[in-house]
Amino acid sequence: MSTPPRVTIKDVAARAGVSKGAVSLAFNRKPGLSDATRDRIFAAARELGWAPNLTARSLSSQRVDVVGLAICRPARLLGLEPFYMEFVSGVESVLTERSCSLLLRLVRNVDEETAVQDAWWRGRQVSGSILVDFRADDPRAAAARRLGMPVVAVGHPSLTGGLTSVWTDDATAVTEAVRYLAALGHRRIARVGGAALLGHTAIRTAAVDEAARRLGLAGVRQVTTDFSGEDGARATRSLLSAPDGDRPTAILYDNDIMAVAGLSVAAEMGVRVPADVSLLAWDDSQLCRLTRPTLSAMSHDVHGFGAEVARTLFGVIAGEAVSHPVATPVLVPRGSTAPAT
């Protein structure tokens, strides 16, 4: 069987109706082209499956100037979410040391992110990217390999399709949280989780179910949300509205903002924390220490996590990085948890 002819820059130029020089200008981020012409060239390259020679790229510029990060979150929610603010600040701390910049983009879905990463790489706008919020059968791993794009995946290796990964041990941390609440005498435990499609949500859900099975807890309930305070408040209100025999005596949250919202709902409903219900947050941002009572939390260094992710990406670019976990979140008991009554 004959081998298909190799696509060249000349083919891309012909498809886009421009000169080879124009294609070179587009992919080298040089001035002299309109946005419409540049987009037409990138579209032609995608259609033909062509990218500039990576060896030539590396010879022309060894410097890493820009790192990409696309996040699938509404802008308003991202501005309120302590996790990503601390994570990005950790990433930036490493980029600043190396005189690099972060190119941040908010996207609506994985397909849009895949297109954005493709355009960034083909347009030589980034030297590599950080990929977050993996889900089962995530298409971004295959897309990154197809492009030859250096990336670091933030997620458990079971989700990241063989990419170099950095992750926290969510399953171990969730198990510790459930065991702690059970040791306080809580038998009806609820979890207000994150988005059902996300891989780390599924890992935590499975870990809660397994811990409950091992501890003989029959009254465990889990609900999913969009991570917002509003959704966390709705979930908490629903849980605390159950009849006394079914109402949970302890609630674990998948982030701090939902735990703070849950604390407000409990006060609104006249449910005492921790006398009537214990609340346990996740991430342990400054929010947990500003409430009354202060919130117990599964604590980890999110800033340090972001910094380690950035360092790992530089290792990927240099061909030296390996997948590895960072420290498992640890329990920090405060005023919002107490023995069941």
C-alpha atoms as a PDB file:
ATOM      1  CA  MET A   1       0.000   0.000   0.000  1.00  0.00           C
ATOM      2  CA  SER A   2       1.423   3.396  -0.991  1.00  0.00           C
ATOM      3  CA  THR A   3       2.178   6.010   1.660  1.00  0.00           C
ATOM      4  CA  PRO A   4       0.056   9.185   1.436  1.00  0.00           C
ATOM      5  CA  PRO A   5       2.053  12.186   0.237  1.00  0.00           C
ATOM      6  CA  ARG A   6       3.456  14.328   3.052  1.00  0.00           C
ATOM      7  CA  VAL A   7       1.608  17.591   3.615  1.00  0.00           C
ATOM      8  CA  THR A   8       3.873  20.612   3.247  1.00  0.00           C
ATOM      9  CA  ILE A   9       3.694  24.335   3.880  1.00  0.00           C
ATOM     10  CA  LYS A  10       3.027  24.741   0.158  1.00  0.00           C
ATOM     11  CA  ASP A  11      -0.164  22.662   0.487  1.00  0.00           C
ATOM     12  CA  VAL A  12      -1.340  24.792   3.410  1.00  0.00           C
ATOM     13  CA  ALA A  13      -0.653  27.965   1.448  1.00  0.00           C
ATOM     14  CA  ALA A  14      -2.611  26.655  -1.533  1.00  0.00           C
ATOM     15  CA  ARG A  15      -5.570  25.620   0.661  1.00  0.00           C
ATOM     16  CA  ALA A  16      -5.655  29.040   2.338  1.00  0.00           C
ATOM     17  CA  GLY A  17      -5.079  30.956  -0.891  1.00  0.00           C
ATOM     18  CA  VAL A  18      -1.932  32.698   0.367  1.00  0.00           C
ATOM     19  CA  SER A  19       1.817  32.511  -0.165  1.00  0.00           C
ATOM     20  CA  LYS A  20       4.201  30.252   1.772  1.00  0.00           C
ATOM     21  CA  GLY A  21       5.611  33.381   3.343  1.00  0.00           C
ATOM     22  CA  ALA A  22       2.186  34.266   4.727  1.00  0.00           C
ATOM     23  CA  VAL A  23       1.919  30.810   6.341  1.00  0.00           C
ATOM     24  CA  SER A  24       5.330  31.348   7.908  1.00  0.00           C
ATOM     25  CA  LEU A  25       4.276  34.763   9.225  1.00  0.00           C
ATOM     26  CA  ALA A  26       1.125  33.296  10.779  1.00  0.00           C
ATOM     27  CA  PHE A  27       2.879  30.471  12.602  1.00  0.00           C
ATOM     28  CA  ASN A  28       5.772  32.634  13.739  1.00  0.00           C
ATOM     29  CA  ARG A  29       3.410  35.284  15.178  1.00  0.00           C
ATOM     30  CA  LYS A  30       4.852  37.969  12.918  1.00  0.00           C
ATOM     31  CA  PRO A  31       2.964  41.138  11.918  1.00  0.00           C
ATOM     32  CA  GLY A  32       1.731  41.768   8.393  1.00  0.00           C
ATOM     33  CA  LEU A  33      -1.422  39.629   8.247  1.00  0.00           C
ATOM     34  CA  SER A  34      -5.028  40.442   9.041  1.00  0.00           C
ATOM     35  CA  ASP A  35      -6.776  38.376  11.719  1.00  0.00           C
ATOM     36  CA  ALA A  36      -9.051  36.897   9.064  1.00  0.00           C
ATOM     37  CA  THR A  37      -6.100  35.746   6.946  1.00  0.00           C
ATOM     38  CA  ARG A  38      -4.306  34.330   9.993  1.00  0.00           C
ATOM     39  CA  ASP A  39      -7.455  32.406  11.011  1.00  0.00           C
ATOM     40  CA  ARG A  40      -7.857  31.091   7.462  1.00  0.00           C
ATOM     41  CA  ILE A  41      -4.292  29.798   7.467  1.00  0.00           C
ATOM     42  CA  PHE A  42      -4.743  28.061  10.849  1.00  0.00           C
ATOM     43  CA  ALA A  43      -8.002  26.506   9.622  1.00  0.00           C
ATOM     44  CA  ALA A  44      -6.288  25.192   6.485  1.00  0.00           C
ATOM     45  CA  ALA A  45      -3.474  23.717   8.562  1.00  0.00           C
ATOM     46  CA  ARG A  46      -5.976  21.962  10.856  1.00  0.00           C
ATOM     47  CA  GLU A  47      -7.893  20.556   7.897  1.00  0.00           C
ATOM     48  CA  LEU A  48      -4.696  19.150   6.372  1.00  0.00           C
ATOM     49  CA  GLY A  49      -3.258  17.978   9.709  1.00  0.00           C
ATOM     50  CA  TRP A  50      -0.111  20.075   9.246  1.00  0.00           C
ATOM     51  CA  ALA A  51       2.075  21.709  11.896  1.00  0.00           C
ATOM     52  CA  PRO A  52       5.474  23.411  11.634  1.00  0.00           C
ATOM     53  CA  ASN A  53       8.432  21.122  12.086  1.00  0.00           C
ATOM     54  CA  LEU A  54       9.006  20.816  15.845  1.00  0.00           C
ATOM     55  CA  THR A  55      12.746  20.291  15.463  1.00  0.00           C
ATOM     56  CA  ALA A  56      13.020  23.512  13.492  1.00  0.00           C
ATOM     57  CA  ARG A  57      11.002  25.227  16.174  1.00  0.00           C
ATOM     58  CA  SER A  58      13.311  24.087  18.932  1.00  0.00           C
ATOM     59  CA  LEU A  59      16.376  25.153  16.981  1.00  0.00           C
ATOM     60  CA  SER A  60      14.923  28.593  16.344  1.00  0.00           C
ATOM     61  CA  SER A  61      13.957  29.255  19.948  1.00  0.00           C
ATOM     62  CA  GLN A  62      14.837  27.327  23.100  1.00  0.00           C
ATOM     63  CA  ARG A  63      13.212  29.903  25.342  1.00  0.00           C
ATOM     64  CA  VAL A  64       9.932  29.278  27.151  1.00  0.00           C
ATOM     65  CA  ASP A  65       8.056  32.591  27.231  1.00  0.00           C
ATOM     66  CA  VAL A  66       4.353  31.760  27.646  1.00  0.00           C
ATOM     67  CA  VAL A  67       2.475  28.910  29.331  1.00  0.00           C
ATOM     68  CA  GLY A  68      -1.195  28.275  28.559  1.00  0.00           C
ATOM     69  CA  LEU A  69      -4.024  27.431  30.957  1.00  0.00           C
ATOM     70  CA  ALA A  70      -7.657  27.035  29.869  1.00  0.00           C
ATOM     71  CA  ILE A  71     -10.326  26.583  32.549  1.00  0.00           C
ATOM     72  CA  CYS A  72     -13.904  25.494  31.967  1.00  0.00           C
ATOM     73  CA  ARG A  73     -15.629  27.724  34.515  1.00  0.00           C
ATOM     74  CA  PRO A  74     -17.918  30.766  34.292  1.00  0.00           C
ATOM     75  CA  ALA A  75     -15.915  33.952  34.889  1.00  0.00           C
ATOM     76  CA  ARG A  76     -18.053  34.977  37.857  1.00  0.00           C
ATOM     77  CA  LEU A  77     -17.625  31.631  39.611  1.00  0.00           C
ATOM     78  CA  LEU A  78     -13.888  31.546  38.974  1.00  0.00           C
ATOM     79  CA  GLY A  79     -13.525  34.935  40.629  1.00  0.00           C
ATOM     80  CA  LEU A  80     -15.145  33.585  43.791  1.00  0.00           C
ATOM     81  CA  GLU A  81     -13.429  30.193  43.883  1.00  0.00           C
ATOM     82  CA  PRO A  82     -10.432  30.252  46.284  1.00  0.00           C
ATOM     83  CA  PHE A  83      -8.904  27.078  44.835  1.00  0.00           C
ATOM     84  CA  TYR A  84      -8.171  28.435  41.372  1.00  0.00           C
ATOM     85  CA  MET A  85      -7.043  31.805  42.676  1.00  0.00           C
ATOM     86  CA  GLU A  86      -4.445  30.107  44.890  1.00  0.00           C
ATOM     87  CA  PHE A  87      -3.543  27.576  42.197  1.00  0.00           C
ATOM     88  CA  VAL A  88      -2.907  30.292  39.601  1.00  0.00           C
ATOM     89  CA  SER A  89      -0.852  32.307  42.084  1.00  0.00           C
ATOM     90  CA  GLY A  90       1.315  29.226  42.651  1.00  0.00           C
ATOM     91  CA  VAL A  91       1.802  28.770  38.911  1.00  0.00           C
ATOM     92  CA  GLU A  92       2.638  32.457  38.524  1.00  0.00           C
ATOM     93  CA  SER A  93       5.227  32.294  41.318  1.00  0.00           C
ATOM     94  CA  VAL A  94       7.293  29.855  39.236  1.00  0.00           C
ATOM     95  CA  LEU A  95       6.698  31.643  35.911  1.00  0.00           C
ATOM     96  CA  THR A  96       7.833  34.936  37.438  1.00  0.00           C
ATOM     97  CA  GLU A  97      11.114  33.366  38.530  1.00  0.00           C
ATOM     98  CA  ARG A  98      11.716  32.375  34.899  1.00  0.00           C
ATOM     99  CA  SER A  99      10.461  35.641  33.346  1.00  0.00           C
ATOM    100  CA  CYS A 100       7.541  33.823  31.722  1.00  0.00           C
ATOM    101  CA  SER A 101       3.880  34.749  31.331  1.00  0.00           C
ATOM    102  CA  LEU A 102       0.613  32.874  31.785  1.00  0.00           C
ATOM    103  CA  LEU A 103      -1.953  32.906  28.981  1.00  0.00           C
ATOM    104  CA  LEU A 104      -5.285  32.251  30.733  1.00  0.00           C
ATOM    105  CA  ARG A 105      -8.504  31.501  28.853  1.00  0.00           C
ATOM    106  CA  LEU A 106     -11.977  30.596  30.141  1.00  0.00           C
ATOM    107  CA  VAL A 107     -13.814  28.105  27.938  1.00  0.00           C
ATOM    108  CA  ARG A 108     -17.319  26.649  27.868  1.00  0.00           C
ATOM    109  CA  ASN A 109     -16.499  22.989  27.253  1.00  0.00           C
ATOM    110  CA  VAL A 110     -13.754  20.499  26.437  1.00  0.00           C
ATOM    111  CA  ASP A 111     -14.254  20.828  22.680  1.00  0.00           C
ATOM    112  CA  GLU A 112     -13.684  24.565  22.862  1.00  0.00           C
ATOM    113  CA  GLU A 113     -10.585  24.046  24.987  1.00  0.00           C
ATOM    114  CA  THR A 114      -9.201  21.512  22.499  1.00  0.00           C
ATOM    115  CA  ALA A 115      -9.627  24.072  19.709  1.00  0.00           C
ATOM    116  CA  VAL A 116      -7.997  26.787  21.829  1.00  0.00           C
ATOM    117  CA  GLN A 117      -4.991  24.615  22.680  1.00  0.00           C
ATOM    118  CA  ASP A 118      -4.664  23.663  19.016  1.00  0.00           C
ATOM    119  CA  ALA A 119      -4.657  27.325  17.941  1.00  0.00           C
ATOM    120  CA  TRP A 120      -2.198  28.283  20.692  1.00  0.00           C
ATOM    121  CA  TRP A 121       0.276  25.606  19.703  1.00  0.00           C
ATOM    122  CA  ARG A 122      -0.016  25.926  15.934  1.00  0.00           C
ATOM    123  CA  GLY A 123       0.164  29.694  16.290  1.00  0.00           C
ATOM    124  CA  ARG A 124       3.270  29.439  18.495  1.00  0.00           C
ATOM    125  CA  GLN A 125       1.532  31.428  21.208  1.00  0.00           C
ATOM    126  CA  VAL A 126       2.598  29.034  23.995  1.00  0.00           C
ATOM    127  CA  SER A 127       5.542  26.758  24.728  1.00  0.00           C
ATOM    128  CA  GLY A 128       3.352  24.329  26.665  1.00  0.00           C
ATOM    129  CA  SER A 129       0.097  24.117  28.599  1.00  0.00           C
ATOM    130  CA  ILE A 130      -1.405  23.052  31.910  1.00  0.00           C
ATOM    131  CA  LEU A 131      -4.503  20.870  31.536  1.00  0.00           C
ATOM    132  CA  VAL A 132      -7.008  20.714  34.407  1.00  0.00           C
ATOM    133  CA  ASP A 133     -10.402  19.206  35.293  1.00  0.00           C
ATOM    134  CA  PHE A 134     -10.016  15.817  33.622  1.00  0.00           C
ATOM    135  CA  ARG A 135     -12.929  13.483  33.132  1.00  0.00           C
ATOM    136  CA  ALA A 136     -13.332   9.869  32.025  1.00  0.00           C
ATOM    137  CA  ASP A 137     -12.281   9.314  28.381  1.00  0.00           C
ATOM    138  CA  ASP A 138     -11.027  12.894  28.165  1.00  0.00           C
ATOM    139  CA  PRO A 139     -10.173  13.765  24.516  1.00  0.00           C
ATOM    140  CA  ARG A 140      -7.479  16.299  25.419  1.00  0.00           C
ATOM    141  CA  ALA A 141      -4.798  13.670  26.065  1.00  0.00           C
ATOM    142  CA  ALA A 142      -4.986  12.335  22.511  1.00  0.00           C
ATOM    143  CA  ALA A 143      -5.184  15.873  21.100  1.00  0.00           C
ATOM    144  CA  ALA A 144      -2.039  16.958  22.959  1.00  0.00           C
ATOM    145  CA  ARG A 145      -0.106  13.905  21.766  1.00  0.00           C
ATOM    146  CA  ARG A 146      -1.279  14.464  18.195  1.00  0.00           C
ATOM    147  CA  LEU A 147       0.028  18.032  18.284  1.00  0.00           C
ATOM    148  CA  GLY A 148       3.284  17.090  19.984  1.00  0.00           C
ATOM    149  CA  MET A 149       2.494  19.799  22.521  1.00  0.00           C
ATOM    150  CA  PRO A 150       4.281  19.723  25.920  1.00  0.00           C
ATOM    151  CA  VAL A 151       1.633  19.563  28.651  1.00  0.00           C
ATOM    152  CA  VAL A 152       1.261  18.638  32.294  1.00  0.00           C
ATOM    153  CA  ALA A 153      -2.034  17.105  33.362  1.00  0.00           C
ATOM    154  CA  VAL A 154      -3.511  17.994  36.744  1.00  0.00           C
ATOM    155  CA  GLY A 155      -5.332  14.814  37.658  1.00  0.00           C
ATOM    156  CA  HIS A 156      -5.022  11.195  38.687  1.00  0.00           C
ATOM    157  CA  PRO A 157      -3.165   9.047  36.102  1.00  0.00           C
ATOM    158  CA  SER A 158      -6.296   6.924  35.657  1.00  0.00           C
ATOM    159  CA  LEU A 159      -7.871   9.970  33.974  1.00  0.00           C
ATOM    160  CA  THR A 160      -5.024  11.589  32.056  1.00  0.00           C
ATOM    161  CA  GLY A 161      -4.356   9.122  29.246  1.00  0.00           C
ATOM    162  CA  GLY A 162      -0.641   8.620  29.839  1.00  0.00           C
ATOM    163  CA  LEU A 163       0.279  12.314  30.014  1.00  0.00           C
ATOM    164  CA  THR A 164       2.754  13.476  32.635  1.00  0.00           C
ATOM    165  CA  SER A 165       0.506  14.111  35.647  1.00  0.00           C
ATOM    166  CA  VAL A 166       0.518  15.808  39.043  1.00  0.00           C
ATOM    167  CA  TRP A 167      -2.294  15.025  41.464  1.00  0.00           C
ATOM    168  CA  THR A 168      -3.516  14.950  45.048  1.00  0.00           C
ATOM    169  CA  ASP A 169      -4.665  11.671  46.577  1.00  0.00           C
ATOM    170  CA  ASP A 170      -8.366  12.504  46.812  1.00  0.00           C
ATOM    171  CA  ALA A 171      -9.431   8.949  47.641  1.00  0.00           C
ATOM    172  CA  THR A 172      -7.180   8.731  50.710  1.00  0.00           C
ATOM    173  CA  ALA A 173      -8.219  12.201  51.909  1.00  0.00           C
ATOM    174  CA  VAL A 174     -11.946  11.489  51.516  1.00  0.00           C
ATOM    175  CA  THR A 175     -11.550   8.203  53.376  1.00  0.00           C
ATOM    176  CA  GLU A 176      -9.821  10.024  56.235  1.00  0.00           C
ATOM    177  CA  ALA A 177     -12.650  12.576  56.355  1.00  0.00           C
ATOM    178  CA  VAL A 178     -15.373   9.916  56.552  1.00  0.00           C
ATOM    179  CA  ARG A 179     -13.456   7.962  59.194  1.00  0.00           C
ATOM    180  CA  TYR A 180     -13.011  11.115  61.272  1.00  0.00           C
ATOM    181  CA  LEU A 181     -16.713  11.934  61.180  1.00  0.00           C
ATOM    182  CA  ALA A 182     -17.619   8.318  61.979  1.00  0.00           C
ATOM    183  CA  ALA A 183     -15.190   8.351  64.915  1.00  0.00           C
ATOM    184  CA  LEU A 184     -17.121  11.352  66.269  1.00  0.00           C
ATOM    185  CA  GLY A 185     -20.217   9.136  66.272  1.00  0.00           C
ATOM    186  CA  HIS A 186     -21.832  10.419  63.069  1.00  0.00           C
ATOM    187  CA  ARG A 187     -23.815   7.717  61.255  1.00  0.00           C
ATOM    188  CA  ARG A 188     -25.795   9.914  58.848  1.00  0.00           C
ATOM    189  CA  ILE A 189     -23.119  11.623  56.769  1.00  0.00           C
ATOM    190  CA  ALA A 190     -23.719  13.617  53.580  1.00  0.00           C
ATOM    191  CA  ARG A 191     -21.350  14.960  50.941  1.00  0.00           C
ATOM    192  CA  VAL A 192     -21.996  18.013  48.786  1.00  0.00           C
ATOM    193  CA  GLY A 193     -19.804  17.190  45.797  1.00  0.00           C
ATOM    194  CA  GLY A 194     -18.744  18.980  42.647  1.00  0.00           C
ATOM    195  CA  ALA A 195     -19.668  18.487  39.013  1.00  0.00           C
ATOM    196  CA  ALA A 196     -20.591  14.868  38.275  1.00  0.00           C
ATOM    197  CA  LEU A 197     -18.620  14.743  34.990  1.00  0.00           C
ATOM    198  CA  LEU A 198     -15.275  15.605  36.583  1.00  0.00           C
ATOM    199  CA  GLY A 199     -12.914  12.751  37.301  1.00  0.00           C
ATOM    200  CA  HIS A 200     -11.909  13.884  40.774  1.00  0.00           C
ATOM    201  CA  THR A 201     -15.591  14.148  41.731  1.00  0.00           C
ATOM    202  CA  ALA A 202     -16.074  10.514  40.661  1.00  0.00           C
ATOM    203  CA  ILE A 203     -12.971   9.446  42.611  1.00  0.00           C
ATOM    204  CA  ARG A 204     -14.244  11.129  45.773  1.00  0.00           C
ATOM    205  CA  THR A 205     -17.738   9.681  45.297  1.00  0.00           C
ATOM    206  CA  ALA A 206     -16.370   6.155  44.997  1.00  0.00           C
ATOM    207  CA  ALA A 207     -14.111   6.671  48.024  1.00  0.00           C
ATOM    208  CA  VAL A 208     -17.014   7.881  50.190  1.00  0.00           C
ATOM    209  CA  ASP A 209     -19.106   4.866  49.182  1.00  0.00           C
ATOM    210  CA  GLU A 210     -16.250   2.468  49.923  1.00  0.00           C
ATOM    211  CA  ALA A 211     -15.459   4.083  53.289  1.00  0.00           C
ATOM    212  CA  ALA A 212     -19.143   3.980  54.246  1.00  0.00           C
ATOM    213  CA  ARG A 213     -19.331   0.305  53.291  1.00  0.00           C
ATOM    214  CA  ARG A 214     -16.264  -0.576  55.354  1.00  0.00           C
ATOM    215  CA  LEU A 215     -17.540   1.380  58.364  1.00  0.00           C
ATOM    216  CA  GLY A 216     -21.072   0.052  58.097  1.00  0.00           C
ATOM    217  CA  LEU A 217     -22.637   3.476  57.519  1.00  0.00           C
ATOM    218  CA  ALA A 218     -25.991   2.997  55.829  1.00  0.00           C
ATOM    219  CA  GLY A 219     -27.185   6.601  55.890  1.00  0.00           C
ATOM    220  CA  VAL A 220     -24.629   8.264  53.588  1.00  0.00           C
ATOM    221  CA  ARG A 221     -25.999  10.636  50.916  1.00  0.00           C
ATOM    222  CA  GLN A 222     -24.079  12.347  48.123  1.00  0.00           C
ATOM    223  CA  VAL A 223     -25.271  15.183  45.876  1.00  0.00           C
ATOM    224  CA  THR A 224     -23.516  16.939  42.991  1.00  0.00           C
ATOM    225  CA  THR A 225     -23.307  20.672  42.305  1.00  0.00           C
ATOM    226  CA  ASP A 226     -21.552  23.177  40.044  1.00  0.00           C
ATOM    227  CA  PHE A 227     -19.146  24.168  42.896  1.00  0.00           C
ATOM    228  CA  SER A 228     -20.867  27.537  43.410  1.00  0.00           C
ATOM    229  CA  GLY A 229     -21.985  28.923  46.744  1.00  0.00           C
ATOM    230  CA  GLU A 230     -25.553  29.143  45.440  1.00  0.00           C
ATOM    231  CA  ASP A 231     -25.630  25.468  44.475  1.00  0.00           C
ATOM    232  CA  GLY A 232     -23.932  24.496  47.720  1.00  0.00           C
ATOM    233  CA  ALA A 233     -26.562  26.444  49.655  1.00  0.00           C
ATOM    234  CA  ARG A 234     -29.407  24.735  47.756  1.00  0.00           C
ATOM    235  CA  ALA A 235     -27.928  21.312  48.405  1.00  0.00           C
ATOM    236  CA  THR A 236     -27.449  22.072  52.103  1.00  0.00           C
ATOM    237  CA  ARG A 237     -30.996  23.396  52.452  1.00  0.00           C
ATOM    238  CA  SER A 238     -32.359  20.222  50.869  1.00  0.00           C
ATOM    239  CA  LEU A 239     -30.289  17.984  53.156  1.00  0.00           C
ATOM    240  CA  LEU A 240     -31.222  19.872  56.334  1.00  0.00           C
ATOM    241  CA  SER A 241     -34.910  19.910  55.381  1.00  0.00           C
ATOM    242  CA  ALA A 242     -35.126  16.132  55.702  1.00  0.00           C
ATOM    243  CA  PRO A 243     -37.069  14.667  58.654  1.00  0.00           C
ATOM    244  CA  ASP A 244     -35.102  14.399  61.906  1.00  0.00           C
ATOM    245  CA  GLY A 245     -34.437  10.680  61.481  1.00  0.00           C
ATOM    246  CA  ASP A 246     -33.049  11.204  57.974  1.00  0.00           C
ATOM    247  CA  ARG A 247     -31.300  14.541  58.343  1.00  0.00           C
ATOM    248  CA  PRO A 248     -27.497  14.235  58.225  1.00  0.00           C
ATOM    249  CA  THR A 249     -25.551  15.029  61.376  1.00  0.00           C
ATOM    250  CA  ALA A 250     -22.384  15.772  59.359  1.00  0.00           C
ATOM    251  CA  ILE A 251     -21.773  17.219  55.877  1.00  0.00           C
ATOM    252  CA  LEU A 252     -18.545  17.093  53.872  1.00  0.00           C
ATOM    253  CA  TYR A 253     -18.122  19.692  51.096  1.00  0.00           C
ATOM    254  CA  ASP A 254     -15.965  19.550  47.963  1.00  0.00           C
ATOM    255  CA  ASN A 255     -14.752  23.129  48.342  1.00  0.00           C
ATOM    256  CA  ASP A 256     -14.641  25.951  50.869  1.00  0.00           C
ATOM    257  CA  ILE A 257     -17.121  28.313  49.234  1.00  0.00           C
ATOM    258  CA  MET A 258     -19.904  25.711  49.427  1.00  0.00           C
ATOM    259  CA  ALA A 259     -19.041  24.974  53.062  1.00  0.00           C
ATOM    260  CA  VAL A 260     -19.308  28.690  53.915  1.00  0.00           C
ATOM    261  CA  ALA A 261     -22.656  28.828  52.107  1.00  0.00           C
ATOM    262  CA  GLY A 262     -23.763  25.723  54.014  1.00  0.00           C
ATOM    263  CA  LEU A 263     -22.874  27.356  57.321  1.00  0.00           C
ATOM    264  CA  SER A 264     -25.059  30.346  56.423  1.00  0.00           C
ATOM    265  CA  VAL A 265     -27.963  28.079  55.476  1.00  0.00           C
ATOM    266  CA  ALA A 266     -27.702  26.223  58.773  1.00  0.00           C
ATOM    267  CA  ALA A 267     -27.894  29.529  60.691  1.00  0.00           C
ATOM    268  CA  GLU A 268     -30.859  30.630  58.562  1.00  0.00           C
ATOM    269  CA  MET A 269     -32.696  27.371  59.380  1.00  0.00           C
ATOM    270  CA  GLY A 270     -31.889  27.466  63.079  1.00  0.00           C
ATOM    271  CA  VAL A 271     -29.657  24.388  62.840  1.00  0.00           C
ATOM    272  CA  ARG A 272     -26.747  24.765  65.247  1.00  0.00           C
ATOM    273  CA  VAL A 273     -23.173  24.109  64.069  1.00  0.00           C
ATOM    274  CA  PRO A 274     -21.658  21.928  65.426  1.00  0.00           C
ATOM    275  CA  ALA A 275     -24.281  20.962  68.041  1.00  0.00           C
ATOM    276  CA  ASP A 276     -26.867  19.788  65.474  1.00  0.00           C
ATOM    277  CA  VAL A 277     -24.702  19.280  62.388  1.00  0.00           C
ATOM    278  CA  SER A 278     -20.942  19.162  61.795  1.00  0.00           C
ATOM    279  CA  LEU A 279     -19.514  20.760  58.645  1.00  0.00           C
ATOM    280  CA  LEU A 280     -16.209  19.837  56.988  1.00  0.00           C
ATOM    281  CA  ALA A 281     -14.755  21.948  54.159  1.00  0.00           C
ATOM    282  CA  TRP A 282     -12.156  21.099  51.483  1.00  0.00           C
ATOM    283  CA  ASP A 283      -8.984  23.050  50.527  1.00  0.00           C
ATOM    284  CA  ASP A 284      -8.747  25.153  53.718  1.00  0.00           C
ATOM    285  CA  SER A 285      -8.492  28.622  52.232  1.00  0.00           C
ATOM    286  CA  GLN A 286      -8.613  31.750  54.392  1.00  0.00           C
ATOM    287  CA  LEU A 287     -12.424  31.561  54.214  1.00  0.00           C
ATOM    288  CA  CYS A 288     -12.359  28.674  56.683  1.00  0.00           C
ATOM    289  CA  ARG A 289     -10.764  30.840  59.356  1.00  0.00           C
ATOM    290  CA  LEU A 290     -13.044  33.848  58.859  1.00  0.00           C
ATOM    291  CA  THR A 291     -16.353  32.161  59.723  1.00  0.00           C
ATOM    292  CA  ARG A 292     -17.932  31.665  63.135  1.00  0.00           C
ATOM    293  CA  PRO A 293     -17.495  28.929  64.059  1.00  0.00           C
ATOM    294  CA  THR A 294     -14.309  28.416  62.090  1.00  0.00           C
ATOM    295  CA  LEU A 295     -14.587  25.593  59.566  1.00  0.00           C
ATOM    296  CA  SER A 296     -12.832  22.266  59.956  1.00  0.00           C
ATOM    297  CA  ALA A 297     -11.256  21.337  56.620  1.00  0.00           C
ATOM    298  CA  MET A 298      -9.268  18.879  54.572  1.00  0.00           C
ATOM    299  CA  SER A 299      -6.242  21.115  54.158  1.00  0.00           C
ATOM    300  CA  HIS A 300      -3.574  21.218  51.475  1.00  0.00           C
ATOM    301  CA  ASP A 301      -1.161  23.768  50.083  1.00  0.00           C
ATOM    302  CA  VAL A 302      -2.954  24.831  46.890  1.00  0.00           C
ATOM    303  CA  HIS A 303      -0.380  27.544  46.147  1.00  0.00           C
ATOM    304  CA  GLY A 304       2.399  24.971  46.468  1.00  0.00           C
ATOM    305  CA  PHE A 305       0.412  22.571  44.284  1.00  0.00           C
ATOM    306  CA  GLY A 306       0.215  25.166  41.501  1.00  0.00           C
ATOM    307  CA  ALA A 307       3.937  25.864  41.805  1.00  0.00           C
ATOM    308  CA  GLU A 308       4.759  22.147  41.529  1.00  0.00           C
ATOM    309  CA  VAL A 309       2.543  21.823  38.458  1.00  0.00           C
ATOM    310  CA  ALA A 310       4.419  24.693  36.776  1.00  0.00           C
ATOM    311  CA  ARG A 311       7.813  23.207  37.662  1.00  0.00           C
ATOM    312  CA  THR A 312       6.681  19.872  36.237  1.00  0.00           C
ATOM    313  CA  LEU A 313       5.657  21.510  32.957  1.00  0.00           C
ATOM    314  CA  PHE A 314       9.140  22.979  32.600  1.00  0.00           C
ATOM    315  CA  GLY A 315      10.437  19.466  33.203  1.00  0.00           C
ATOM    316  CA  VAL A 316       8.194  18.141  30.428  1.00  0.00           C
ATOM    317  CA  ILE A 317       9.501  20.789  28.037  1.00  0.00           C
ATOM    318  CA  ALA A 318      13.064  19.792  28.969  1.00  0.00           C
ATOM    319  CA  GLY A 319      12.240  16.094  28.584  1.00  0.00           C
ATOM    320  CA  GLU A 320      12.934  15.331  32.253  1.00  0.00           C
ATOM    321  CA  ALA A 321       9.568  15.187  34.077  1.00  0.00           C
ATOM    322  CA  VAL A 322       7.746  12.174  35.513  1.00  0.00           C
ATOM    323  CA  SER A 323       4.249  11.823  36.929  1.00  0.00           C
ATOM    324  CA  HIS A 324       3.999  12.158  40.698  1.00  0.00           C
ATOM    325  CA  PRO A 325       1.505  12.904  43.489  1.00  0.00           C
ATOM    326  CA  VAL A 326       1.807  15.843  45.846  1.00  0.00           C
ATOM    327  CA  ALA A 327       0.967  15.792  49.543  1.00  0.00           C
ATOM    328  CA  THR A 328      -2.415  14.291  50.455  1.00  0.00           C
ATOM    329  CA  PRO A 329      -4.871  16.766  52.053  1.00  0.00           C
ATOM    330  CA  VAL A 330      -4.849  16.399  55.843  1.00  0.00           C
ATOM    331  CA  LEU A 331      -7.599  16.944  58.358  1.00  0.00           C
ATOM    332  CA  VAL A 332      -7.574  20.210  60.357  1.00  0.00           C
ATOM    333  CA  PRO A 333     -10.317  20.089  63.032  1.00  0.00           C
ATOM    334  CA  ARG A 334     -11.773  23.441  64.073  1.00  0.00           C
ATOM    335  CA  GLY A 335     -15.029  24.724  65.510  1.00  0.00           C
ATOM    336  CA  SER A 336     -17.475  23.331  62.970  1.00  0.00           C
ATOM    337  CA  THR A 337     -17.125  19.649  63.891  1.00  0.00           C
ATOM    338  CA  ALA A 338     -18.048  17.922  67.155  1.00  0.00           C
ATOM    339  CA  PRO A 339     -19.210  14.522  68.409  1.00  0.00           C
ATOM    340  CA  ALA A 340     -22.698  13.508  67.310  1.00  0.00           C
ATOM    341  CA  THR A 341     -25.428  13.972  69.895  1.00  0.00           C
END
